[in-house]
Amino acid sequence: MELISNQCGDTTVVDGITRLFDEDGTIYLVTGYFTNSAYRLIRPDIERFLSRSPENELVVVVSPTADQFTPSIARDLQQLDDRIQLYKYPHGCLHAKLYVRTGDHPTAMVGSINLTRVAFEQNIELSVLVESDDGDADIEPFVEWTDELLSICEPFRKRDLFRPVMLLNTISVWTNKARLLSGRTVVHQPSVYVVLALLGLFVLMSWTT
């Protein structure tokens, strides 16, 4: 087991993610946020991983919201290889960050790291990298959790990538979050309006980067 941080140690968070692609197997990327700028950083690793063995596969699970996922990533992945599966979590906000590789040398990485360039280069992030040299025993709980998540997820459809649809999903998620606060709290807190404005700005930036 190894702690991964971009603030200390020899292994950066990007190193932790890209290390998954160094061995063969099936890779599962479960992330709360996946931006185009981060995707471009790891895309060469994805290409090498898939070209190395015809049995290698990639499974990506994200939220189908405009602030958490960029449609261009899905389109590029779909064109890249038919061994890539893309799933959406349809029941609200996916906030988990788990990255797993099965195979002869299974590995799991779990913690705070989203697949965003900000997480890779700026934020203080902390995750745990678990590598198993003695079978799948150490990794099995992560694989089982991922299988359970996939059982309630759905494959992405073309309509899911339409920006108006993704924006409506975003509004739905944030509306549900707002319901956890009292009406007085929401109305009288200026920070609420700041967050909404920043959300809109983030969505616009995610579509252009």
N, C-alpha and C. Protein backbone atom coordinates (compact mmCIF):
# COMPACT_ATOMS: atom_id res chain seq x y z
N MET A 1 0.85 -1.19 0.00
CA MET A 1 0.00 0.00 0.00
C MET A 1 0.88 1.24 0.00
N GLU A 2 0.49 2.22 -0.81
CA GLU A 2 1.28 3.45 -0.94
C GLU A 2 0.36 4.66 -0.96
N LEU A 3 0.72 5.69 -0.19
CA LEU A 3 -0.02 6.94 -0.23
C LEU A 3 0.43 7.75 -1.44
N ILE A 4 -0.55 8.27 -2.18
CA ILE A 4 -0.27 9.05 -3.38
C ILE A 4 -0.73 10.48 -3.14
N SER A 5 0.17 11.44 -3.33
CA SER A 5 -0.17 12.84 -3.16
C SER A 5 0.64 13.68 -4.13
N ASN A 6 0.08 14.82 -4.53
CA ASN A 6 0.86 15.72 -5.38
C ASN A 6 1.61 16.77 -4.57
N GLN A 7 1.62 16.59 -3.25
CA GLN A 7 2.31 17.55 -2.38
C GLN A 7 3.59 16.98 -1.78
N CYS A 8 3.68 15.66 -1.72
CA CYS A 8 4.86 15.05 -1.12
C CYS A 8 5.05 13.66 -1.70
N GLY A 9 6.23 13.10 -1.51
CA GLY A 9 6.52 11.77 -2.00
C GLY A 9 7.02 11.79 -3.43
N ASP A 10 7.44 10.62 -3.89
CA ASP A 10 8.02 10.49 -5.23
C ASP A 10 6.97 10.22 -6.30
N THR A 11 5.78 9.77 -5.90
CA THR A 11 4.74 9.43 -6.86
C THR A 11 3.65 10.49 -6.87
N THR A 12 3.44 11.14 -7.99
CA THR A 12 2.39 12.14 -8.11
C THR A 12 1.05 11.46 -8.39
N VAL A 13 -0.02 12.23 -8.32
CA VAL A 13 -1.33 11.64 -8.58
C VAL A 13 -1.45 11.20 -10.04
N VAL A 14 -0.81 11.93 -10.95
CA VAL A 14 -0.82 11.51 -12.35
C VAL A 14 -0.08 10.19 -12.51
N ASP A 15 1.04 10.05 -11.80
CA ASP A 15 1.79 8.79 -11.84
C ASP A 15 0.92 7.63 -11.36
N GLY A 16 0.15 7.87 -10.30
CA GLY A 16 -0.71 6.83 -9.77
C GLY A 16 -1.74 6.37 -10.77
N ILE A 17 -2.33 7.33 -11.50
CA ILE A 17 -3.33 6.99 -12.51
C ILE A 17 -2.68 6.26 -13.68
N THR A 18 -1.60 6.81 -14.20
CA THR A 18 -0.98 6.22 -15.39
C THR A 18 -0.34 4.87 -15.10
N ARG A 19 0.01 4.62 -13.84
CA ARG A 19 0.59 3.32 -13.50
C ARG A 19 -0.40 2.18 -13.77
N LEU A 20 -1.67 2.48 -13.68
CA LEU A 20 -2.69 1.46 -13.96
C LEU A 20 -2.54 0.89 -15.36
N PHE A 21 -2.12 1.73 -16.29
CA PHE A 21 -2.05 1.32 -17.69
C PHE A 21 -0.75 0.60 -18.04
N ASP A 22 0.12 0.39 -17.06
CA ASP A 22 1.40 -0.25 -17.31
C ASP A 22 1.30 -1.77 -17.41
N GLU A 23 0.20 -2.33 -16.91
CA GLU A 23 0.01 -3.79 -16.94
C GLU A 23 -1.28 -4.10 -17.68
N ASP A 24 -1.43 -5.38 -18.06
CA ASP A 24 -2.60 -5.81 -18.82
C ASP A 24 -3.75 -6.20 -17.91
N GLY A 25 -4.96 -6.16 -18.46
CA GLY A 25 -6.16 -6.54 -17.72
C GLY A 25 -7.33 -5.67 -18.13
N THR A 26 -8.28 -5.54 -17.23
CA THR A 26 -9.41 -4.64 -17.41
C THR A 26 -9.28 -3.49 -16.42
N ILE A 27 -9.37 -2.27 -16.92
CA ILE A 27 -9.25 -1.08 -16.07
C ILE A 27 -10.62 -0.44 -15.91
N TYR A 28 -10.96 -0.12 -14.66
CA TYR A 28 -12.21 0.56 -14.33
C TYR A 28 -11.87 1.95 -13.81
N LEU A 29 -12.41 2.97 -14.45
CA LEU A 29 -12.25 4.35 -14.00
C LEU A 29 -13.60 4.85 -13.51
N VAL A 30 -13.76 4.97 -12.20
CA VAL A 30 -14.99 5.50 -11.61
C VAL A 30 -14.63 6.85 -11.02
N THR A 31 -15.21 7.91 -11.55
CA THR A 31 -14.78 9.25 -11.14
C THR A 31 -15.95 10.21 -11.06
N GLY A 32 -15.84 11.15 -10.13
CA GLY A 32 -16.87 12.16 -10.00
C GLY A 32 -16.80 13.18 -11.11
N TYR A 33 -15.58 13.59 -11.48
CA TYR A 33 -15.38 14.58 -12.54
C TYR A 33 -14.34 14.07 -13.53
N PHE A 34 -14.62 14.26 -14.80
CA PHE A 34 -13.70 13.84 -15.85
C PHE A 34 -13.70 14.94 -16.91
N THR A 35 -12.62 15.71 -16.95
CA THR A 35 -12.54 16.85 -17.87
C THR A 35 -11.67 16.52 -19.07
N ASN A 36 -11.87 17.28 -20.12
CA ASN A 36 -11.16 17.04 -21.37
C ASN A 36 -9.65 17.25 -21.21
N SER A 37 -9.27 18.25 -20.43
CA SER A 37 -7.84 18.53 -20.25
C SER A 37 -7.13 17.37 -19.56
N ALA A 38 -7.78 16.74 -18.59
CA ALA A 38 -7.20 15.57 -17.93
C ALA A 38 -7.19 14.37 -18.87
N TYR A 39 -8.25 14.22 -19.64
CA TYR A 39 -8.32 13.11 -20.59
C TYR A 39 -7.17 13.17 -21.59
N ARG A 40 -6.86 14.35 -22.06
CA ARG A 40 -5.78 14.48 -23.03
C ARG A 40 -4.43 14.09 -22.43
N LEU A 41 -4.28 14.26 -21.14
CA LEU A 41 -3.03 13.87 -20.49
C LEU A 41 -2.87 12.36 -20.41
N ILE A 42 -3.98 11.65 -20.20
CA ILE A 42 -3.88 10.19 -20.02
C ILE A 42 -4.24 9.42 -21.29
N ARG A 43 -4.70 10.10 -22.32
CA ARG A 43 -5.10 9.41 -23.56
C ARG A 43 -3.96 8.58 -24.15
N PRO A 44 -2.71 9.07 -24.22
CA PRO A 44 -1.64 8.24 -24.75
C PRO A 44 -1.46 6.93 -23.98
N ASP A 45 -1.66 6.98 -22.66
CA ASP A 45 -1.55 5.77 -21.85
C ASP A 45 -2.69 4.81 -22.18
N ILE A 46 -3.88 5.34 -22.41
CA ILE A 46 -5.02 4.50 -22.81
C ILE A 46 -4.73 3.82 -24.14
N GLU A 47 -4.20 4.58 -25.09
CA GLU A 47 -3.89 4.02 -26.41
C GLU A 47 -2.86 2.90 -26.32
N ARG A 48 -1.80 3.13 -25.55
CA ARG A 48 -0.76 2.10 -25.41
C ARG A 48 -1.33 0.86 -24.73
N PHE A 49 -2.16 1.07 -23.72
CA PHE A 49 -2.76 -0.04 -22.99
C PHE A 49 -3.60 -0.91 -23.93
N LEU A 50 -4.42 -0.30 -24.74
CA LEU A 50 -5.31 -1.05 -25.63
C LEU A 50 -4.54 -1.71 -26.77
N SER A 51 -3.49 -1.07 -27.25
CA SER A 51 -2.73 -1.63 -28.36
C SER A 51 -1.82 -2.77 -27.93
N ARG A 52 -1.54 -2.85 -26.64
CA ARG A 52 -0.59 -3.85 -26.14
C ARG A 52 -1.17 -5.26 -26.17
N SER A 53 -2.46 -5.40 -25.94
CA SER A 53 -3.08 -6.72 -25.92
C SER A 53 -4.53 -6.61 -26.37
N PRO A 54 -4.99 -7.54 -27.22
CA PRO A 54 -6.39 -7.52 -27.67
C PRO A 54 -7.37 -7.86 -26.56
N GLU A 55 -6.86 -8.35 -25.44
CA GLU A 55 -7.74 -8.71 -24.32
C GLU A 55 -7.91 -7.56 -23.32
N ASN A 56 -7.14 -6.52 -23.46
CA ASN A 56 -7.26 -5.38 -22.54
C ASN A 56 -8.56 -4.63 -22.79
N GLU A 57 -9.20 -4.18 -21.71
CA GLU A 57 -10.46 -3.45 -21.81
C GLU A 57 -10.46 -2.27 -20.85
N LEU A 58 -11.27 -1.27 -21.18
CA LEU A 58 -11.41 -0.08 -20.34
C LEU A 58 -12.89 0.17 -20.09
N VAL A 59 -13.24 0.36 -18.81
CA VAL A 59 -14.62 0.66 -18.42
C VAL A 59 -14.60 1.98 -17.66
N VAL A 60 -15.39 2.94 -18.12
CA VAL A 60 -15.45 4.27 -17.51
C VAL A 60 -16.86 4.50 -16.97
N VAL A 61 -16.94 4.97 -15.71
CA VAL A 61 -18.23 5.27 -15.09
C VAL A 61 -18.21 6.72 -14.61
N VAL A 62 -19.17 7.52 -15.08
CA VAL A 62 -19.23 8.94 -14.72
C VAL A 62 -20.68 9.35 -14.53
N SER A 63 -20.87 10.58 -14.08
CA SER A 63 -22.20 11.18 -14.02
C SER A 63 -22.49 11.88 -15.34
N PRO A 64 -23.72 11.77 -15.86
CA PRO A 64 -24.06 12.39 -17.15
C PRO A 64 -24.47 13.84 -16.99
N THR A 65 -23.67 14.62 -16.28
CA THR A 65 -24.00 16.02 -16.03
C THR A 65 -22.98 16.93 -16.70
N ALA A 66 -23.42 18.14 -17.04
CA ALA A 66 -22.56 19.05 -17.80
C ALA A 66 -21.37 19.54 -17.01
N ASP A 67 -21.49 19.58 -15.68
CA ASP A 67 -20.38 20.08 -14.87
C ASP A 67 -19.42 18.98 -14.46
N GLN A 68 -19.78 17.70 -14.71
CA GLN A 68 -18.93 16.60 -14.26
C GLN A 68 -18.27 15.83 -15.40
N PHE A 69 -18.78 16.01 -16.61
CA PHE A 69 -18.27 15.20 -17.72
C PHE A 69 -18.38 16.00 -19.01
N THR A 70 -17.41 15.79 -19.91
CA THR A 70 -17.36 16.50 -21.17
C THR A 70 -17.75 15.56 -22.31
N PRO A 71 -18.76 15.91 -23.13
CA PRO A 71 -19.22 15.02 -24.20
C PRO A 71 -18.13 14.62 -25.17
N SER A 72 -17.17 15.50 -25.43
CA SER A 72 -16.12 15.19 -26.40
C SER A 72 -15.29 13.99 -25.96
N ILE A 73 -15.18 13.77 -24.65
CA ILE A 73 -14.45 12.59 -24.17
C ILE A 73 -15.16 11.33 -24.61
N ALA A 74 -16.47 11.30 -24.42
CA ALA A 74 -17.25 10.12 -24.79
C ALA A 74 -17.13 9.83 -26.28
N ARG A 75 -17.24 10.86 -27.08
CA ARG A 75 -17.17 10.66 -28.54
C ARG A 75 -15.80 10.14 -28.95
N ASP A 76 -14.76 10.67 -28.34
CA ASP A 76 -13.42 10.22 -28.68
C ASP A 76 -13.19 8.78 -28.23
N LEU A 77 -13.64 8.44 -27.04
CA LEU A 77 -13.49 7.07 -26.54
C LEU A 77 -14.23 6.08 -27.42
N GLN A 78 -15.43 6.45 -27.86
CA GLN A 78 -16.23 5.57 -28.70
C GLN A 78 -15.56 5.32 -30.05
N GLN A 79 -14.85 6.30 -30.54
CA GLN A 79 -14.15 6.16 -31.82
C GLN A 79 -12.80 5.48 -31.66
N LEU A 80 -12.25 5.55 -30.46
CA LEU A 80 -10.90 5.04 -30.24
C LEU A 80 -10.83 3.52 -30.33
N ASP A 81 -11.77 2.83 -29.66
CA ASP A 81 -11.72 1.37 -29.63
C ASP A 81 -13.05 0.83 -29.12
N ASP A 82 -13.48 -0.31 -29.69
CA ASP A 82 -14.75 -0.90 -29.25
C ASP A 82 -14.60 -1.70 -27.95
N ARG A 83 -13.39 -1.75 -27.41
CA ARG A 83 -13.20 -2.41 -26.11
C ARG A 83 -13.33 -1.42 -24.96
N ILE A 84 -13.77 -0.22 -25.26
CA ILE A 84 -14.03 0.79 -24.23
C ILE A 84 -15.53 0.86 -23.97
N GLN A 85 -15.90 0.70 -22.71
CA GLN A 85 -17.31 0.79 -22.32
C GLN A 85 -17.50 2.03 -21.46
N LEU A 86 -18.53 2.78 -21.77
CA LEU A 86 -18.81 4.03 -21.05
C LEU A 86 -20.19 3.95 -20.42
N TYR A 87 -20.22 4.10 -19.08
CA TYR A 87 -21.48 4.00 -18.34
C TYR A 87 -21.78 5.30 -17.61
N LYS A 88 -23.06 5.54 -17.42
CA LYS A 88 -23.52 6.69 -16.65
C LYS A 88 -24.19 6.21 -15.37
N TYR A 89 -23.97 6.97 -14.29
CA TYR A 89 -24.69 6.73 -13.05
C TYR A 89 -25.95 7.59 -13.09
N PRO A 90 -27.15 6.99 -13.15
CA PRO A 90 -28.37 7.75 -13.44
C PRO A 90 -29.12 8.26 -12.23
N HIS A 91 -28.59 8.07 -11.04
CA HIS A 91 -29.37 8.34 -9.83
C HIS A 91 -28.81 9.50 -9.01
N GLY A 92 -28.35 10.55 -9.67
CA GLY A 92 -27.85 11.69 -8.92
C GLY A 92 -26.37 11.93 -9.16
N CYS A 93 -25.69 12.37 -8.11
CA CYS A 93 -24.29 12.77 -8.22
C CYS A 93 -23.36 11.60 -7.87
N LEU A 94 -22.55 11.21 -8.82
CA LEU A 94 -21.50 10.22 -8.55
C LEU A 94 -20.30 10.96 -7.99
N HIS A 95 -19.94 10.64 -6.76
CA HIS A 95 -18.86 11.37 -6.09
C HIS A 95 -17.68 10.47 -5.76
N ALA A 96 -17.76 9.20 -6.11
CA ALA A 96 -16.69 8.26 -5.80
C ALA A 96 -15.52 8.45 -6.76
N LYS A 97 -14.33 8.10 -6.27
CA LYS A 97 -13.12 8.14 -7.10
C LYS A 97 -12.37 6.83 -6.86
N LEU A 98 -12.58 5.88 -7.75
CA LEU A 98 -11.96 4.57 -7.62
C LEU A 98 -11.44 4.15 -8.99
N TYR A 99 -10.19 3.70 -9.00
CA TYR A 99 -9.54 3.29 -10.24
C TYR A 99 -8.93 1.91 -10.01
N VAL A 100 -9.38 0.93 -10.80
CA VAL A 100 -9.02 -0.47 -10.55
C VAL A 100 -8.51 -1.11 -11.84
N ARG A 101 -7.48 -1.96 -11.68
CA ARG A 101 -7.06 -2.81 -12.79
C ARG A 101 -7.05 -4.26 -12.32
N THR A 102 -7.77 -5.11 -13.03
CA THR A 102 -7.71 -6.54 -12.77
C THR A 102 -6.65 -7.16 -13.69
N GLY A 103 -6.36 -8.44 -13.48
CA GLY A 103 -5.35 -9.10 -14.30
C GLY A 103 -4.34 -9.82 -13.44
N ASP A 104 -3.17 -10.08 -14.01
CA ASP A 104 -2.14 -10.82 -13.28
C ASP A 104 -1.56 -10.03 -12.12
N HIS A 105 -1.53 -8.72 -12.24
CA HIS A 105 -1.02 -7.86 -11.16
C HIS A 105 -2.06 -6.79 -10.84
N PRO A 106 -3.13 -7.18 -10.16
CA PRO A 106 -4.25 -6.25 -9.90
C PRO A 106 -3.83 -5.08 -9.02
N THR A 107 -4.45 -3.94 -9.29
CA THR A 107 -4.14 -2.70 -8.58
C THR A 107 -5.41 -1.89 -8.39
N ALA A 108 -5.49 -1.19 -7.26
CA ALA A 108 -6.62 -0.29 -7.02
C ALA A 108 -6.09 1.01 -6.43
N MET A 109 -6.73 2.10 -6.81
CA MET A 109 -6.38 3.42 -6.28
C MET A 109 -7.68 4.11 -5.88
N VAL A 110 -7.78 4.49 -4.62
CA VAL A 110 -9.00 5.11 -4.12
C VAL A 110 -8.63 6.30 -3.25
N GLY A 111 -9.43 7.36 -3.34
CA GLY A 111 -9.14 8.55 -2.54
C GLY A 111 -9.90 9.76 -3.04
N SER A 112 -9.23 10.90 -3.08
CA SER A 112 -9.91 12.17 -3.39
C SER A 112 -9.75 12.61 -4.84
N ILE A 113 -9.00 11.88 -5.64
CA ILE A 113 -8.58 12.37 -6.95
C ILE A 113 -9.64 12.16 -8.02
N ASN A 114 -10.18 13.26 -8.54
CA ASN A 114 -10.98 13.22 -9.76
C ASN A 114 -10.06 13.25 -10.96
N LEU A 115 -10.60 12.92 -12.12
CA LEU A 115 -9.82 13.00 -13.35
C LEU A 115 -9.97 14.40 -13.94
N THR A 116 -9.29 15.34 -13.29
CA THR A 116 -9.27 16.73 -13.74
C THR A 116 -7.83 17.23 -13.68
N ARG A 117 -7.52 18.19 -14.50
CA ARG A 117 -6.16 18.72 -14.50
C ARG A 117 -5.87 19.49 -13.22
N VAL A 118 -6.91 20.10 -12.66
CA VAL A 118 -6.74 20.80 -11.38
C VAL A 118 -6.33 19.81 -10.30
N ALA A 119 -6.96 18.64 -10.28
CA ALA A 119 -6.59 17.61 -9.31
C ALA A 119 -5.17 17.12 -9.55
N PHE A 120 -4.80 17.00 -10.81
CA PHE A 120 -3.47 16.50 -11.15
C PHE A 120 -2.37 17.48 -10.77
N GLU A 121 -2.64 18.79 -10.90
CA GLU A 121 -1.55 19.76 -10.84
C GLU A 121 -1.65 20.80 -9.73
N GLN A 122 -2.84 21.02 -9.17
CA GLN A 122 -2.99 22.13 -8.23
C GLN A 122 -3.52 21.73 -6.86
N ASN A 123 -4.58 20.94 -6.84
CA ASN A 123 -5.21 20.62 -5.55
C ASN A 123 -4.29 19.80 -4.65
N ILE A 124 -4.56 19.88 -3.36
CA ILE A 124 -3.95 18.93 -2.43
C ILE A 124 -4.83 17.69 -2.44
N GLU A 125 -4.33 16.62 -3.01
CA GLU A 125 -5.08 15.39 -3.15
C GLU A 125 -4.37 14.26 -2.41
N LEU A 126 -5.14 13.29 -1.97
CA LEU A 126 -4.57 12.15 -1.27
C LEU A 126 -5.35 10.89 -1.63
N SER A 127 -4.63 9.87 -2.06
CA SER A 127 -5.25 8.59 -2.39
C SER A 127 -4.34 7.46 -1.93
N VAL A 128 -4.90 6.28 -1.89
CA VAL A 128 -4.15 5.09 -1.51
C VAL A 128 -4.05 4.17 -2.72
N LEU A 129 -2.84 3.75 -3.03
CA LEU A 129 -2.60 2.80 -4.11
C LEU A 129 -2.34 1.43 -3.51
N VAL A 130 -3.16 0.47 -3.89
CA VAL A 130 -3.05 -0.90 -3.38
C VAL A 130 -2.66 -1.81 -4.53
N GLU A 131 -1.52 -2.47 -4.41
CA GLU A 131 -1.07 -3.41 -5.42
C GLU A 131 -0.96 -4.79 -4.79
N SER A 132 -1.47 -5.79 -5.50
CA SER A 132 -1.49 -7.14 -4.95
C SER A 132 -0.56 -8.05 -5.75
N ASP A 133 0.39 -8.64 -5.06
CA ASP A 133 1.29 -9.61 -5.68
C ASP A 133 0.93 -11.04 -5.30
N ASP A 134 -0.13 -11.18 -4.53
CA ASP A 134 -0.53 -12.50 -4.03
C ASP A 134 -2.01 -12.74 -4.35
N GLY A 135 -2.31 -12.77 -5.65
CA GLY A 135 -3.69 -12.99 -6.06
C GLY A 135 -4.53 -11.73 -5.95
N ASP A 136 -5.84 -11.93 -5.98
CA ASP A 136 -6.78 -10.81 -6.02
C ASP A 136 -7.37 -10.46 -4.66
N ALA A 137 -6.90 -11.08 -3.59
CA ALA A 137 -7.55 -10.93 -2.29
C ALA A 137 -7.61 -9.47 -1.85
N ASP A 138 -6.53 -8.73 -2.02
CA ASP A 138 -6.49 -7.33 -1.57
C ASP A 138 -7.35 -6.42 -2.44
N ILE A 139 -7.55 -6.81 -3.69
CA ILE A 139 -8.26 -5.97 -4.64
C ILE A 139 -9.73 -6.36 -4.75
N GLU A 140 -10.07 -7.55 -4.32
CA GLU A 140 -11.43 -8.07 -4.52
C GLU A 140 -12.52 -7.15 -3.98
N PRO A 141 -12.37 -6.55 -2.79
CA PRO A 141 -13.44 -5.65 -2.31
C PRO A 141 -13.71 -4.49 -3.25
N PHE A 142 -12.66 -3.96 -3.88
CA PHE A 142 -12.84 -2.86 -4.82
C PHE A 142 -13.54 -3.33 -6.09
N VAL A 143 -13.20 -4.53 -6.54
CA VAL A 143 -13.83 -5.08 -7.74
C VAL A 143 -15.31 -5.37 -7.47
N GLU A 144 -15.61 -5.92 -6.30
CA GLU A 144 -17.00 -6.21 -5.95
C GLU A 144 -17.82 -4.93 -5.87
N TRP A 145 -17.24 -3.88 -5.28
CA TRP A 145 -17.96 -2.60 -5.19
C TRP A 145 -18.24 -2.06 -6.58
N THR A 146 -17.24 -2.16 -7.46
CA THR A 146 -17.41 -1.67 -8.83
C THR A 146 -18.48 -2.46 -9.57
N ASP A 147 -18.49 -3.77 -9.38
CA ASP A 147 -19.52 -4.61 -10.02
C ASP A 147 -20.91 -4.22 -9.55
N GLU A 148 -21.05 -3.95 -8.26
CA GLU A 148 -22.35 -3.53 -7.73
C GLU A 148 -22.77 -2.19 -8.32
N LEU A 149 -21.82 -1.28 -8.46
CA LEU A 149 -22.13 0.02 -9.06
C LEU A 149 -22.57 -0.16 -10.51
N LEU A 150 -21.85 -0.97 -11.26
CA LEU A 150 -22.19 -1.18 -12.67
C LEU A 150 -23.56 -1.80 -12.84
N SER A 151 -24.00 -2.57 -11.85
CA SER A 151 -25.31 -3.22 -11.96
C SER A 151 -26.46 -2.22 -11.94
N ILE A 152 -26.21 -1.00 -11.44
CA ILE A 152 -27.26 0.02 -11.42
C ILE A 152 -26.96 1.16 -12.39
N CYS A 153 -25.89 1.02 -13.14
CA CYS A 153 -25.55 2.04 -14.13
C CYS A 153 -26.09 1.64 -15.51
N GLU A 154 -26.03 2.58 -16.43
CA GLU A 154 -26.55 2.36 -17.78
C GLU A 154 -25.52 2.81 -18.81
N PRO A 155 -25.46 2.12 -19.94
CA PRO A 155 -24.56 2.58 -21.00
C PRO A 155 -24.99 3.96 -21.50
N PHE A 156 -24.00 4.77 -21.85
CA PHE A 156 -24.30 6.08 -22.43
C PHE A 156 -25.00 5.91 -23.78
N ARG A 157 -26.03 6.71 -24.01
CA ARG A 157 -26.68 6.79 -25.31
C ARG A 157 -26.31 8.11 -25.97
N LYS A 158 -26.57 8.22 -27.25
CA LYS A 158 -26.24 9.46 -27.97
C LYS A 158 -26.95 10.66 -27.36
N ARG A 159 -28.21 10.48 -26.99
CA ARG A 159 -28.97 11.60 -26.45
C ARG A 159 -28.41 12.08 -25.11
N ASP A 160 -27.73 11.17 -24.39
CA ASP A 160 -27.15 11.55 -23.09
C ASP A 160 -26.03 12.57 -23.26
N LEU A 161 -25.47 12.67 -24.46
CA LEU A 161 -24.34 13.56 -24.71
C LEU A 161 -24.77 14.91 -25.27
N PHE A 162 -26.07 15.08 -25.50
CA PHE A 162 -26.55 16.39 -25.94
C PHE A 162 -26.40 17.37 -24.78
N ARG A 163 -25.83 18.52 -25.06
CA ARG A 163 -25.55 19.48 -24.00
C ARG A 163 -26.79 19.92 -23.23
N PRO A 164 -27.93 20.16 -23.91
CA PRO A 164 -29.13 20.51 -23.14
C PRO A 164 -29.55 19.42 -22.17
N VAL A 165 -29.41 18.15 -22.58
CA VAL A 165 -29.76 17.04 -21.70
C VAL A 165 -28.82 17.00 -20.50
N MET A 166 -27.53 17.17 -20.75
CA MET A 166 -26.55 17.14 -19.67
C MET A 166 -26.76 18.32 -18.72
N LEU A 167 -27.12 19.46 -19.27
CA LEU A 167 -27.36 20.63 -18.43
C LEU A 167 -28.60 20.42 -17.56
N LEU A 168 -29.64 19.80 -18.11
CA LEU A 168 -30.83 19.49 -17.32
C LEU A 168 -30.48 18.52 -16.19
N ASN A 169 -29.61 17.56 -16.48
CA ASN A 169 -29.16 16.63 -15.43
C ASN A 169 -28.42 17.38 -14.32
N THR A 170 -27.61 18.35 -14.72
CA THR A 170 -26.88 19.15 -13.74
C THR A 170 -27.84 19.92 -12.85
N ILE A 171 -28.83 20.55 -13.47
CA ILE A 171 -29.81 21.32 -12.70
C ILE A 171 -30.56 20.41 -11.73
N SER A 172 -30.90 19.21 -12.19
CA SER A 172 -31.61 18.26 -11.33
C SER A 172 -30.78 17.87 -10.12
N VAL A 173 -29.49 17.59 -10.35
CA VAL A 173 -28.61 17.20 -9.24
C VAL A 173 -28.48 18.33 -8.23
N TRP A 174 -28.25 19.55 -8.72
CA TRP A 174 -28.06 20.67 -7.80
C TRP A 174 -29.36 21.07 -7.12
N THR A 175 -30.48 20.88 -7.78
CA THR A 175 -31.77 21.14 -7.14
C THR A 175 -31.99 20.18 -5.98
N ASN A 176 -31.65 18.93 -6.19
CA ASN A 176 -31.79 17.94 -5.11
C ASN A 176 -30.87 18.26 -3.95
N LYS A 177 -29.67 18.76 -4.26
CA LYS A 177 -28.76 19.15 -3.18
C LYS A 177 -29.34 20.33 -2.39
N ALA A 178 -29.96 21.27 -3.10
CA ALA A 178 -30.51 22.45 -2.45
C ALA A 178 -31.65 22.08 -1.50
N ARG A 179 -32.34 20.99 -1.81
CA ARG A 179 -33.46 20.57 -0.96
C ARG A 179 -33.00 20.14 0.43
N LEU A 180 -31.72 19.84 0.55
CA LEU A 180 -31.18 19.46 1.85
C LEU A 180 -31.01 20.67 2.76
N LEU A 181 -31.07 21.86 2.18
CA LEU A 181 -30.97 23.09 2.95
C LEU A 181 -32.35 23.69 3.15
N SER A 182 -32.51 24.45 4.20
CA SER A 182 -33.78 25.14 4.41
C SER A 182 -33.96 26.23 3.37
N GLY A 183 -35.21 26.56 3.04
CA GLY A 183 -35.47 27.60 2.06
C GLY A 183 -34.85 28.92 2.46
N ARG A 184 -34.91 29.26 3.75
CA ARG A 184 -34.33 30.52 4.22
C ARG A 184 -32.83 30.53 4.00
N THR A 185 -32.20 29.37 4.24
CA THR A 185 -30.75 29.29 4.06
C THR A 185 -30.37 29.54 2.61
N VAL A 186 -31.11 28.92 1.69
CA VAL A 186 -30.79 29.04 0.27
C VAL A 186 -30.99 30.47 -0.22
N VAL A 187 -32.12 31.08 0.17
CA VAL A 187 -32.47 32.40 -0.34
C VAL A 187 -31.55 33.48 0.19
N HIS A 188 -31.18 33.37 1.47
CA HIS A 188 -30.48 34.46 2.12
C HIS A 188 -28.96 34.29 2.14
N GLN A 189 -28.46 33.25 1.52
CA GLN A 189 -27.01 33.07 1.47
C GLN A 189 -26.47 33.53 0.13
N PRO A 190 -25.74 34.65 0.08
CA PRO A 190 -25.16 35.10 -1.19
C PRO A 190 -24.26 34.05 -1.83
N SER A 191 -23.66 33.21 -1.00
CA SER A 191 -22.76 32.19 -1.54
C SER A 191 -23.48 31.24 -2.48
N VAL A 192 -24.79 31.05 -2.26
CA VAL A 192 -25.56 30.17 -3.13
C VAL A 192 -25.54 30.70 -4.56
N TYR A 193 -25.75 32.00 -4.70
CA TYR A 193 -25.77 32.59 -6.03
C TYR A 193 -24.38 32.60 -6.66
N VAL A 194 -23.38 32.76 -5.83
CA VAL A 194 -22.01 32.69 -6.33
C VAL A 194 -21.72 31.30 -6.87
N VAL A 195 -22.14 30.28 -6.13
CA VAL A 195 -21.93 28.90 -6.56
C VAL A 195 -22.63 28.64 -7.88
N LEU A 196 -23.87 29.12 -8.02
CA LEU A 196 -24.61 28.91 -9.26
C LEU A 196 -23.91 29.59 -10.43
N ALA A 197 -23.41 30.80 -10.20
CA ALA A 197 -22.68 31.51 -11.25
C ALA A 197 -21.40 30.78 -11.63
N LEU A 198 -20.68 30.30 -10.63
CA LEU A 198 -19.45 29.56 -10.90
C LEU A 198 -19.74 28.25 -11.61
N LEU A 199 -20.87 27.62 -11.25
CA LEU A 199 -21.26 26.38 -11.92
C LEU A 199 -21.48 26.62 -13.40
N GLY A 200 -22.19 27.71 -13.72
CA GLY A 200 -22.41 28.03 -15.12
C GLY A 200 -21.11 28.28 -15.85
N LEU A 201 -20.18 29.00 -15.21
CA LEU A 201 -18.89 29.27 -15.81
C LEU A 201 -18.09 28.00 -16.01
N PHE A 202 -18.14 27.10 -15.02
CA PHE A 202 -17.42 25.83 -15.11
C PHE A 202 -17.93 25.00 -16.28
N VAL A 203 -19.25 24.98 -16.45
CA VAL A 203 -19.84 24.22 -17.55
C VAL A 203 -19.36 24.75 -18.89
N LEU A 204 -19.37 26.07 -19.04
CA LEU A 204 -18.92 26.67 -20.29
C LEU A 204 -17.46 26.34 -20.56
N MET A 205 -16.63 26.40 -19.52
CA MET A 205 -15.21 26.11 -19.68
C MET A 205 -14.99 24.64 -20.02
N SER A 206 -15.78 23.75 -19.42
CA SER A 206 -15.61 22.31 -19.66
C SER A 206 -15.94 21.95 -21.09
N TRP A 207 -16.82 22.72 -21.72
CA TRP A 207 -17.18 22.43 -23.10
C TRP A 207 -16.13 22.92 -24.09
N THR A 208 -15.29 23.82 -23.65
CA THR A 208 -14.31 24.42 -24.56
C THR A 208 -12.89 23.95 -24.31
N THR A 209 -12.69 23.12 -23.25
CA THR A 209 -11.33 22.65 -22.93
C THR A 209 -11.24 21.15 -23.03
